[in-house]
Amino acid sequence: MASNEKSRSAAEIVAAEWSDILSYGTDLINPAVPRAAYQHPSLRELWPMVSHGVLYLSRCTQYPWSRDVGTAFPQSAGGYRVRRESDKTLIGVADTLEEAYELIAANLPDNCGPAVVGTGEDL
């Protein structure tokens, strides 16, 4: 961990990453995706990351990340499949981004709080 990261709180680190992701252009992700997730206070406390046009959320700020928060995967026919990778659970299928992130927020792991500085092993 960089020395400047040690002095910043988890909330500051997470807020800075959200700021970056919310400013991404369409070359990295549909900007509506992080905006839909950010509308939920419980999700905005989690570490956001983007890969292959998909927004992932973690309860920790470093790799290996937690994989127990649902992820909305766009479907070619439209809508979203919401899955939790840690146990391969299909949380549900949603027609809209808003519905997908409602499902994710409603199905957070027990005792899910703000992201912590560290890895999934630190949880």
C-alpha atoms as a PDB file:
ATOM      1  CA  MET A   1       0.000   0.000   0.000  1.00  0.00           C
ATOM      2  CA  ALA A   2       1.400   3.411  -0.905  1.00  0.00           C
ATOM      3  CA  SER A   3       2.226   5.657   2.047  1.00  0.00           C
ATOM      4  CA  ASN A   4      -0.301   8.278   0.948  1.00  0.00           C
ATOM      5  CA  GLU A   5      -3.009   5.590   0.843  1.00  0.00           C
ATOM      6  CA  LYS A   6      -2.235   4.606   4.431  1.00  0.00           C
ATOM      7  CA  SER A   7      -3.013   8.116   5.615  1.00  0.00           C
ATOM      8  CA  ARG A   8      -6.333   8.302   3.762  1.00  0.00           C
ATOM      9  CA  SER A   9      -9.432   6.748   5.264  1.00  0.00           C
ATOM     10  CA  ALA A  10     -11.292   3.961   3.506  1.00  0.00           C
ATOM     11  CA  ALA A  11     -14.177   6.380   2.869  1.00  0.00           C
ATOM     12  CA  GLU A  12     -11.819   8.857   1.159  1.00  0.00           C
ATOM     13  CA  ILE A  13     -10.250   6.120  -0.962  1.00  0.00           C
ATOM     14  CA  VAL A  14     -13.662   4.793  -2.020  1.00  0.00           C
ATOM     15  CA  ALA A  15     -15.016   8.299  -2.749  1.00  0.00           C
ATOM     16  CA  ALA A  16     -12.009   9.074  -4.956  1.00  0.00           C
ATOM     17  CA  GLU A  17     -12.481   5.863  -6.939  1.00  0.00           C
ATOM     18  CA  TRP A  18     -16.213   6.567  -7.401  1.00  0.00           C
ATOM     19  CA  SER A  19     -15.316  10.059  -8.634  1.00  0.00           C
ATOM     20  CA  ASP A  20     -12.999   8.543 -11.250  1.00  0.00           C
ATOM     21  CA  ILE A  21     -15.490   5.895 -12.379  1.00  0.00           C
ATOM     22  CA  LEU A  22     -18.379   8.365 -12.569  1.00  0.00           C
ATOM     23  CA  SER A  23     -16.259  10.414 -14.988  1.00  0.00           C
ATOM     24  CA  TYR A  24     -15.462   7.472 -17.318  1.00  0.00           C
ATOM     25  CA  GLY A  25     -16.523   7.779 -20.933  1.00  0.00           C
ATOM     26  CA  THR A  26     -18.400   5.261 -23.011  1.00  0.00           C
ATOM     27  CA  ASP A  27     -15.147   3.602 -24.083  1.00  0.00           C
ATOM     28  CA  LEU A  28     -14.902   1.950 -20.637  1.00  0.00           C
ATOM     29  CA  ILE A  29     -18.520   1.573 -19.461  1.00  0.00           C
ATOM     30  CA  ASN A  30     -21.989   2.883 -20.198  1.00  0.00           C
ATOM     31  CA  PRO A  31     -21.994   5.944 -17.886  1.00  0.00           C
ATOM     32  CA  ALA A  32     -25.560   5.097 -16.803  1.00  0.00           C
ATOM     33  CA  VAL A  33     -24.267   1.965 -15.029  1.00  0.00           C
ATOM     34  CA  PRO A  34     -22.149   3.606 -12.298  1.00  0.00           C
ATOM     35  CA  ARG A  35     -24.730   6.370 -11.959  1.00  0.00           C
ATOM     36  CA  ALA A  36     -27.464   3.789 -11.280  1.00  0.00           C
ATOM     37  CA  ALA A  37     -25.337   2.064  -8.628  1.00  0.00           C
ATOM     38  CA  TYR A  38     -24.288   5.353  -7.039  1.00  0.00           C
ATOM     39  CA  GLN A  39     -27.932   6.235  -6.349  1.00  0.00           C
ATOM     40  CA  HIS A  40     -27.912   3.659  -3.515  1.00  0.00           C
ATOM     41  CA  PRO A  41     -26.119   4.882  -0.365  1.00  0.00           C
ATOM     42  CA  SER A  42     -25.254   1.293   0.628  1.00  0.00           C
ATOM     43  CA  LEU A  43     -23.576   0.675  -2.738  1.00  0.00           C
ATOM     44  CA  ARG A  44     -21.759   3.998  -2.868  1.00  0.00           C
ATOM     45  CA  GLU A  45     -19.827   2.904   0.265  1.00  0.00           C
ATOM     46  CA  LEU A  46     -18.362  -0.079  -1.603  1.00  0.00           C
ATOM     47  CA  TRP A  47     -15.207  -0.142  -3.744  1.00  0.00           C
ATOM     48  CA  PRO A  48     -16.154   0.213  -7.419  1.00  0.00           C
ATOM     49  CA  MET A  49     -14.148  -1.212 -10.301  1.00  0.00           C
ATOM     50  CA  VAL A  50     -14.790  -1.635 -14.009  1.00  0.00           C
ATOM     51  CA  SER A  51     -13.764  -4.537 -16.219  1.00  0.00           C
ATOM     52  CA  HIS A  52     -15.017  -5.359 -19.689  1.00  0.00           C
ATOM     53  CA  GLY A  53     -17.772  -2.755 -19.430  1.00  0.00           C
ATOM     54  CA  VAL A  54     -19.163  -4.192 -16.184  1.00  0.00           C
ATOM     55  CA  LEU A  55     -19.213  -2.495 -12.767  1.00  0.00           C
ATOM     56  CA  TYR A  56     -18.036  -4.676  -9.891  1.00  0.00           C
ATOM     57  CA  LEU A  57     -18.398  -3.733  -6.216  1.00  0.00           C
ATOM     58  CA  SER A  58     -16.220  -4.968  -3.370  1.00  0.00           C
ATOM     59  CA  ARG A  59     -16.250  -4.706   0.406  1.00  0.00           C
ATOM     60  CA  CYS A  60     -12.467  -4.083   0.340  1.00  0.00           C
ATOM     61  CA  THR A  61     -10.156  -1.749  -1.593  1.00  0.00           C
ATOM     62  CA  GLN A  62      -7.402  -4.174  -2.620  1.00  0.00           C
ATOM     63  CA  TYR A  63      -6.968  -7.415  -4.535  1.00  0.00           C
ATOM     64  CA  PRO A  64      -8.111 -10.051  -3.909  1.00  0.00           C
ATOM     65  CA  TRP A  65     -11.437  -8.255  -3.675  1.00  0.00           C
ATOM     66  CA  SER A  66     -14.525  -9.656  -2.029  1.00  0.00           C
ATOM     67  CA  ARG A  67     -16.755 -11.372  -4.573  1.00  0.00           C
ATOM     68  CA  ASP A  68     -19.868 -11.508  -2.408  1.00  0.00           C
ATOM     69  CA  VAL A  69     -21.647  -8.403  -3.742  1.00  0.00           C
ATOM     70  CA  GLY A  70     -23.956  -8.911  -6.716  1.00  0.00           C
ATOM     71  CA  THR A  71     -22.964  -7.793 -10.205  1.00  0.00           C
ATOM     72  CA  ALA A  72     -25.298  -6.710 -13.028  1.00  0.00           C
ATOM     73  CA  PHE A  73     -24.325  -8.325 -16.322  1.00  0.00           C
ATOM     74  CA  PRO A  74     -26.010  -6.908 -19.448  1.00  0.00           C
ATOM     75  CA  GLN A  75     -27.793  -9.496 -21.586  1.00  0.00           C
ATOM     76  CA  SER A  76     -27.670  -9.461 -25.388  1.00  0.00           C
ATOM     77  CA  ALA A  77     -31.471  -9.616 -25.580  1.00  0.00           C
ATOM     78  CA  GLY A  78     -31.779  -6.709 -23.131  1.00  0.00           C
ATOM     79  CA  GLY A  79     -32.027  -6.468 -19.390  1.00  0.00           C
ATOM     80  CA  TYR A  80     -29.554  -7.614 -16.763  1.00  0.00           C
ATOM     81  CA  ARG A  81     -28.677 -10.841 -15.033  1.00  0.00           C
ATOM     82  CA  VAL A  82     -27.626 -10.165 -11.435  1.00  0.00           C
ATOM     83  CA  ARG A  83     -25.172 -12.727 -10.026  1.00  0.00           C
ATOM     84  CA  ARG A  84     -23.081 -13.124  -6.917  1.00  0.00           C
ATOM     85  CA  GLU A  85     -19.769 -14.674  -7.927  1.00  0.00           C
ATOM     86  CA  SER A  86     -18.684 -15.970  -4.486  1.00  0.00           C
ATOM     87  CA  ASP A  87     -21.305 -18.720  -4.515  1.00  0.00           C
ATOM     88  CA  LYS A  88     -22.477 -18.513  -8.164  1.00  0.00           C
ATOM     89  CA  THR A  89     -25.954 -17.431  -7.041  1.00  0.00           C
ATOM     90  CA  LEU A  90     -28.358 -15.938  -9.558  1.00  0.00           C
ATOM     91  CA  ILE A  91     -29.928 -13.131  -7.532  1.00  0.00           C
ATOM     92  CA  GLY A  92     -32.386 -12.277 -10.274  1.00  0.00           C
ATOM     93  CA  VAL A  93     -33.071 -10.877 -13.712  1.00  0.00           C
ATOM     94  CA  ALA A  94     -33.979  -7.216 -14.199  1.00  0.00           C
ATOM     95  CA  ASP A  95     -35.333  -5.275 -17.148  1.00  0.00           C
ATOM     96  CA  THR A  96     -33.578  -2.002 -16.258  1.00  0.00           C
ATOM     97  CA  LEU A  97     -30.364  -0.824 -14.626  1.00  0.00           C
ATOM     98  CA  GLU A  98     -32.358   0.692 -11.796  1.00  0.00           C
ATOM     99  CA  GLU A  99     -34.054  -2.646 -11.081  1.00  0.00           C
ATOM    100  CA  ALA A 100     -30.699  -4.464 -11.273  1.00  0.00           C
ATOM    101  CA  TYR A 101     -29.105  -2.187  -8.679  1.00  0.00           C
ATOM    102  CA  GLU A 102     -32.210  -2.406  -6.470  1.00  0.00           C
ATOM    103  CA  LEU A 103     -31.660  -6.183  -6.463  1.00  0.00           C
ATOM    104  CA  ILE A 104     -27.968  -5.766  -5.636  1.00  0.00           C
ATOM    105  CA  ALA A 105     -28.661  -3.299  -2.809  1.00  0.00           C
ATOM    106  CA  ALA A 106     -31.401  -5.550  -1.391  1.00  0.00           C
ATOM    107  CA  ASN A 107     -29.121  -8.620  -1.427  1.00  0.00           C
ATOM    108  CA  LEU A 108     -25.922  -7.349   0.166  1.00  0.00           C
ATOM    109  CA  PRO A 109     -24.022  -9.800   2.382  1.00  0.00           C
ATOM    110  CA  ASP A 110     -24.832  -9.895   6.094  1.00  0.00           C
ATOM    111  CA  ASN A 111     -22.993  -7.211   8.058  1.00  0.00           C
ATOM    112  CA  CYS A 112     -22.037  -5.442   4.836  1.00  0.00           C
ATOM    113  CA  GLY A 113     -20.762  -2.026   5.735  1.00  0.00           C
ATOM    114  CA  PRO A 114     -18.474   0.473   4.119  1.00  0.00           C
ATOM    115  CA  ALA A 115     -15.477  -0.960   2.254  1.00  0.00           C
ATOM    116  CA  VAL A 116     -12.329  -1.473   4.312  1.00  0.00           C
ATOM    117  CA  VAL A 117      -8.753  -0.755   3.318  1.00  0.00           C
ATOM    118  CA  GLY A 118      -7.299  -4.164   2.644  1.00  0.00           C
ATOM    119  CA  THR A 119      -8.156  -7.389   0.830  1.00  0.00           C
ATOM    120  CA  GLY A 120     -11.042  -9.840   0.962  1.00  0.00           C
ATOM    121  CA  GLU A 121      -8.952 -11.854   3.421  1.00  0.00           C
ATOM    122  CA  ASP A 122      -9.088  -8.890   5.849  1.00  0.00           C
ATOM    123  CA  LEU A 123     -12.885  -9.000   6.113  1.00  0.00           C
END
